[in-house]
C-alpha cells in the first residue's frame, strides 16, 4: 500500500442541535458566505455614496 496517499474522511456534522437536525459544516459555510457577501455589498454602496435604500430595493 502507498503511504504517500492522504485519505480524507471528514464527518460533515459539526454537532446535533436536536435529535433530528444536525449542523453541518457546508451549511455553516454557505450561510457565512451570504452574510459576508451582504457586508461587502453594503461597504461598496457606502464607499460609492449610493443610498442603502437602493440596496434594499434589490432584495424586496
Protein backbone atom coordinates (compact mmCIF):
# COMPACT_ATOMS: atom_id res chain seq x y z
CA UNK A 1 0.00 0.00 0.00
CA UNK A 2 1.24 3.50 -0.83
CA UNK A 3 1.94 5.59 2.32
CA UNK A 4 2.02 8.90 0.40
CA UNK A 5 -1.75 8.98 -0.11
CA UNK A 6 -3.86 11.19 2.16
CA UNK A 7 -7.25 9.72 2.99
CA UNK A 8 -9.83 12.32 3.96
CA UNK A 9 -12.88 11.04 5.73
CA UNK A 10 -14.38 14.13 7.36
CA UNK A 11 -17.66 13.85 9.23
CA UNK A 12 -19.98 16.54 7.79
CA UNK A 13 -21.85 17.08 11.07
CA UNK A 14 -20.32 19.60 13.47
CA UNK A 15 -22.88 18.83 16.18
CA UNK A 16 -26.55 17.95 16.55
CA UNK A 17 -28.91 20.79 17.50
CA UNK A 18 -31.80 18.42 18.18
CA UNK A 19 -32.29 14.70 17.65
CA UNK A 20 -33.38 15.37 14.06
CA UNK A 21 -31.36 18.43 13.00
CA UNK A 22 -27.57 18.27 12.60
CA UNK A 23 -25.49 21.39 11.96
CA UNK A 24 -23.23 20.58 9.01
CA UNK A 25 -20.07 22.44 8.08
CA UNK A 26 -21.05 23.16 4.47
CA UNK A 27 -24.34 24.70 5.59
CA UNK A 28 -22.45 26.87 8.05
CA UNK A 29 -20.03 27.97 5.30
CA UNK A 30 -22.94 28.72 2.95
CA UNK A 31 -24.69 30.97 5.47
CA UNK A 32 -21.45 32.72 6.43
CA UNK A 33 -20.80 33.35 2.71
CA UNK A 34 -24.20 35.01 2.34
CA UNK A 35 -23.60 37.23 5.36
CA UNK A 36 -20.10 38.15 4.16
CA UNK A 37 -21.46 38.93 0.69
CA UNK A 38 -24.11 41.27 2.12
CA UNK A 39 -21.47 43.01 4.22
CA UNK A 40 -19.20 43.52 1.19
CA UNK A 41 -22.02 44.91 -0.95
CA UNK A 42 -23.01 47.34 1.85
CA UNK A 43 -19.41 48.59 2.07
CA UNK A 44 -19.30 49.10 -1.71
CA UNK A 45 -22.54 51.09 -1.59
CA UNK A 46 -21.24 53.26 1.27
CA UNK A 47 -17.88 53.81 -0.45
CA UNK A 48 -19.53 54.89 -3.72
CA UNK A 49 -22.03 57.13 -1.93
CA UNK A 50 -25.08 55.20 -3.09
CA UNK A 51 -28.00 55.29 -0.61
CA UNK A 52 -28.65 51.98 1.11
CA UNK A 53 -32.34 52.31 0.25
CA UNK A 54 -31.43 51.34 -3.31
CA UNK A 55 -29.80 48.18 -2.00
CA UNK A 56 -32.97 47.34 -0.10
CA UNK A 57 -34.93 47.71 -3.33
CA UNK A 58 -32.88 44.90 -4.83
CA UNK A 59 -33.99 42.47 -2.14
CA UNK A 60 -37.66 43.37 -1.95
